[in-house]
Amino acid sequence: MTYTVRISGNSPQALSIINMLKAFQKEFDYINISEDSDDYQNDELSPEFLEELDKRAEYMETHPNEGKSWDEVKKKYSSK
């Protein structure tokens, strides 16, 4: 069983919880604390990524028979 806890911000309460979890990590080998990079925390997509998505969507609209439906892909990988 794995849990993910996200704590953001630099408030005293957030830092207190982070320090408490880090202390637990030293005592219990089943607790792992890692800090996300700033890039990972950014929920916005880059303009380049959005442009690539638009290109792919346009391609699929003009070539509808070249792709596979979600049902086909799901069936292929859920049977493995």
N, C-alpha and C. Protein backbone atom coordinates (compact mmCIF):
# COMPACT_ATOMS: atom_id res chain seq x y z
N MET A 1 0.85 -1.16 0.00
CA MET A 1 0.00 0.00 0.00
C MET A 1 0.90 1.23 0.00
N THR A 2 0.58 2.19 -0.89
CA THR A 2 1.36 3.41 -1.00
C THR A 2 0.44 4.61 -0.92
N TYR A 3 0.86 5.62 -0.18
CA TYR A 3 0.12 6.87 -0.08
C TYR A 3 1.00 8.00 -0.56
N THR A 4 0.40 9.00 -1.16
CA THR A 4 1.12 10.21 -1.55
C THR A 4 0.51 11.38 -0.81
N VAL A 5 1.34 12.15 -0.14
CA VAL A 5 0.88 13.33 0.58
C VAL A 5 1.61 14.52 -0.02
N ARG A 6 0.87 15.53 -0.45
CA ARG A 6 1.49 16.73 -1.01
C ARG A 6 1.32 17.87 -0.01
N ILE A 7 2.43 18.48 0.35
CA ILE A 7 2.41 19.62 1.25
C ILE A 7 3.11 20.75 0.49
N SER A 8 2.39 21.83 0.25
CA SER A 8 2.99 22.94 -0.47
C SER A 8 2.95 24.19 0.39
N GLY A 9 3.83 25.10 0.08
CA GLY A 9 3.88 26.35 0.82
C GLY A 9 4.98 26.32 1.87
N ASN A 10 5.29 27.48 2.36
CA ASN A 10 6.36 27.63 3.35
C ASN A 10 5.83 28.15 4.68
N SER A 11 4.56 27.90 4.96
CA SER A 11 4.00 28.36 6.23
C SER A 11 4.65 27.59 7.38
N PRO A 12 4.63 28.14 8.56
CA PRO A 12 5.19 27.43 9.71
C PRO A 12 4.54 26.06 9.93
N GLN A 13 3.23 25.97 9.70
CA GLN A 13 2.52 24.71 9.88
C GLN A 13 3.01 23.67 8.86
N ALA A 14 3.16 24.10 7.59
CA ALA A 14 3.62 23.17 6.55
C ALA A 14 5.03 22.68 6.86
N LEU A 15 5.91 23.59 7.24
CA LEU A 15 7.29 23.21 7.56
C LEU A 15 7.34 22.30 8.78
N SER A 16 6.47 22.52 9.75
CA SER A 16 6.41 21.68 10.93
C SER A 16 6.03 20.25 10.57
N ILE A 17 5.03 20.11 9.70
CA ILE A 17 4.60 18.78 9.28
C ILE A 17 5.71 18.09 8.49
N ILE A 18 6.37 18.84 7.62
CA ILE A 18 7.47 18.26 6.83
C ILE A 18 8.57 17.77 7.76
N ASN A 19 8.94 18.58 8.74
CA ASN A 19 10.00 18.17 9.67
C ASN A 19 9.59 16.97 10.50
N MET A 20 8.33 16.90 10.87
CA MET A 20 7.84 15.75 11.63
C MET A 20 7.95 14.48 10.77
N LEU A 21 7.53 14.57 9.50
CA LEU A 21 7.61 13.41 8.61
C LEU A 21 9.06 12.98 8.38
N LYS A 22 9.95 13.96 8.25
CA LYS A 22 11.38 13.63 8.08
C LYS A 22 11.92 12.91 9.31
N ALA A 23 11.47 13.30 10.48
CA ALA A 23 11.89 12.62 11.71
C ALA A 23 11.36 11.18 11.73
N PHE A 24 10.12 10.99 11.31
CA PHE A 24 9.56 9.64 11.23
C PHE A 24 10.34 8.79 10.23
N GLN A 25 10.78 9.41 9.15
CA GLN A 25 11.52 8.68 8.13
C GLN A 25 12.80 8.07 8.71
N LYS A 26 13.43 8.78 9.63
CA LYS A 26 14.65 8.27 10.25
C LYS A 26 14.38 7.06 11.14
N GLU A 27 13.20 7.01 11.73
CA GLU A 27 12.85 5.93 12.65
C GLU A 27 12.22 4.73 11.97
N PHE A 28 11.52 4.96 10.87
CA PHE A 28 10.76 3.89 10.22
C PHE A 28 11.21 3.74 8.78
N ASP A 29 11.75 2.59 8.43
CA ASP A 29 12.30 2.39 7.09
C ASP A 29 11.23 2.31 6.00
N TYR A 30 9.98 2.18 6.36
CA TYR A 30 8.92 2.10 5.36
C TYR A 30 8.36 3.49 4.99
N ILE A 31 8.91 4.55 5.56
CA ILE A 31 8.50 5.91 5.21
C ILE A 31 9.59 6.52 4.34
N ASN A 32 9.18 7.05 3.19
CA ASN A 32 10.12 7.68 2.26
C ASN A 32 9.61 9.08 1.95
N ILE A 33 10.43 10.08 2.20
CA ILE A 33 10.07 11.47 1.95
C ILE A 33 10.94 11.97 0.80
N SER A 34 10.32 12.58 -0.21
CA SER A 34 11.08 13.18 -1.30
C SER A 34 10.44 14.51 -1.68
N GLU A 35 11.27 15.42 -2.11
CA GLU A 35 10.79 16.75 -2.48
C GLU A 35 10.63 16.80 -3.99
N ASP A 36 9.47 17.29 -4.44
CA ASP A 36 9.24 17.45 -5.87
C ASP A 36 9.97 18.68 -6.38
N SER A 37 10.41 18.61 -7.63
CA SER A 37 11.04 19.79 -8.22
C SER A 37 9.95 20.81 -8.54
N ASP A 38 10.35 22.05 -8.73
CA ASP A 38 9.38 23.10 -9.06
C ASP A 38 8.69 22.82 -10.38
N ASP A 39 9.40 22.21 -11.34
CA ASP A 39 8.80 21.90 -12.63
C ASP A 39 7.64 20.92 -12.46
N TYR A 40 7.80 19.96 -11.57
CA TYR A 40 6.77 18.95 -11.36
C TYR A 40 5.52 19.56 -10.75
N GLN A 41 5.70 20.55 -9.91
CA GLN A 41 4.56 21.15 -9.22
C GLN A 41 3.77 22.09 -10.11
N ASN A 42 4.35 22.50 -11.23
CA ASN A 42 3.67 23.42 -12.13
C ASN A 42 2.61 22.65 -12.92
N ASP A 43 1.34 22.96 -12.70
CA ASP A 43 0.26 22.23 -13.34
C ASP A 43 -0.04 22.72 -14.75
N GLU A 44 0.57 23.83 -15.18
CA GLU A 44 0.30 24.36 -16.50
C GLU A 44 1.17 23.66 -17.55
N LEU A 45 0.59 23.46 -18.74
CA LEU A 45 1.33 22.85 -19.83
C LEU A 45 2.07 23.93 -20.60
N SER A 46 3.25 23.60 -21.08
CA SER A 46 4.05 24.58 -21.82
C SER A 46 3.40 24.88 -23.16
N PRO A 47 3.67 26.06 -23.72
CA PRO A 47 3.13 26.39 -25.05
C PRO A 47 3.57 25.38 -26.12
N GLU A 48 4.81 24.89 -26.01
CA GLU A 48 5.31 23.92 -26.98
C GLU A 48 4.52 22.61 -26.89
N PHE A 49 4.21 22.19 -25.68
CA PHE A 49 3.45 20.95 -25.49
C PHE A 49 2.04 21.11 -26.05
N LEU A 50 1.42 22.26 -25.77
CA LEU A 50 0.07 22.52 -26.28
C LEU A 50 0.07 22.55 -27.80
N GLU A 51 1.10 23.14 -28.39
CA GLU A 51 1.21 23.18 -29.85
C GLU A 51 1.31 21.77 -30.43
N GLU A 52 2.11 20.92 -29.78
CA GLU A 52 2.25 19.54 -30.24
C GLU A 52 0.92 18.79 -30.12
N LEU A 53 0.19 19.00 -29.05
CA LEU A 53 -1.13 18.37 -28.90
C LEU A 53 -2.08 18.83 -30.01
N ASP A 54 -2.04 20.12 -30.32
CA ASP A 54 -2.89 20.64 -31.39
C ASP A 54 -2.54 20.01 -32.74
N LYS A 55 -1.24 19.87 -33.02
CA LYS A 55 -0.81 19.23 -34.27
C LYS A 55 -1.31 17.80 -34.36
N ARG A 56 -1.19 17.08 -33.27
CA ARG A 56 -1.61 15.67 -33.27
C ARG A 56 -3.13 15.55 -33.42
N ALA A 57 -3.87 16.43 -32.76
CA ALA A 57 -5.32 16.41 -32.87
C ALA A 57 -5.75 16.73 -34.30
N GLU A 58 -5.11 17.72 -34.91
CA GLU A 58 -5.43 18.08 -36.29
C GLU A 58 -5.11 16.93 -37.24
N TYR A 59 -3.99 16.27 -37.02
CA TYR A 59 -3.62 15.13 -37.86
C TYR A 59 -4.66 14.02 -37.75
N MET A 60 -5.10 13.73 -36.55
CA MET A 60 -6.08 12.66 -36.36
C MET A 60 -7.43 13.03 -36.99
N GLU A 61 -7.77 14.31 -36.97
CA GLU A 61 -9.02 14.74 -37.60
C GLU A 61 -8.96 14.57 -39.12
N THR A 62 -7.79 14.78 -39.71
CA THR A 62 -7.66 14.67 -41.17
C THR A 62 -7.31 13.25 -41.61
N HIS A 63 -6.95 12.38 -40.70
CA HIS A 63 -6.61 10.98 -40.99
C HIS A 63 -7.31 10.06 -40.00
N PRO A 64 -8.64 10.04 -40.00
CA PRO A 64 -9.39 9.31 -38.96
C PRO A 64 -9.20 7.80 -38.99
N ASN A 65 -8.79 7.24 -40.09
CA ASN A 65 -8.65 5.78 -40.17
C ASN A 65 -7.28 5.27 -39.75
N GLU A 66 -6.36 6.15 -39.40
CA GLU A 66 -5.01 5.73 -39.06
C GLU A 66 -4.84 5.38 -37.58
N GLY A 67 -5.73 5.80 -36.76
CA GLY A 67 -5.59 5.53 -35.33
C GLY A 67 -6.46 4.37 -34.88
N LYS A 68 -6.42 4.10 -33.59
CA LYS A 68 -7.26 3.06 -32.99
C LYS A 68 -8.16 3.71 -31.96
N SER A 69 -9.32 3.15 -31.80
CA SER A 69 -10.24 3.68 -30.79
C SER A 69 -9.74 3.32 -29.40
N TRP A 70 -10.23 4.05 -28.41
CA TRP A 70 -9.85 3.77 -27.03
C TRP A 70 -10.27 2.34 -26.66
N ASP A 71 -11.43 1.91 -27.14
CA ASP A 71 -11.89 0.55 -26.83
C ASP A 71 -10.92 -0.50 -27.36
N GLU A 72 -10.36 -0.28 -28.58
CA GLU A 72 -9.40 -1.24 -29.14
C GLU A 72 -8.12 -1.30 -28.31
N VAL A 73 -7.62 -0.15 -27.94
CA VAL A 73 -6.38 -0.09 -27.15
C VAL A 73 -6.61 -0.71 -25.78
N LYS A 74 -7.72 -0.36 -25.14
CA LYS A 74 -8.05 -0.89 -23.81
C LYS A 74 -8.17 -2.41 -23.85
N LYS A 75 -8.84 -2.93 -24.87
CA LYS A 75 -9.02 -4.38 -24.99
C LYS A 75 -7.68 -5.07 -25.16
N LYS A 76 -6.81 -4.49 -25.98
CA LYS A 76 -5.49 -5.09 -26.24
C LYS A 76 -4.67 -5.21 -24.95
N TYR A 77 -4.65 -4.15 -24.15
CA TYR A 77 -3.78 -4.15 -22.97
C TYR A 77 -4.43 -4.70 -21.71
N SER A 78 -5.74 -4.76 -21.66
CA SER A 78 -6.37 -5.32 -20.47
C SER A 78 -6.41 -6.84 -20.52
N SER A 79 -6.17 -7.41 -21.69
CA SER A 79 -6.16 -8.87 -21.79
C SER A 79 -4.80 -9.47 -21.45
N LYS A 80 -3.80 -8.63 -21.23
CA LYS A 80 -2.44 -9.13 -20.92
C LYS A 80 -2.23 -9.28 -19.45
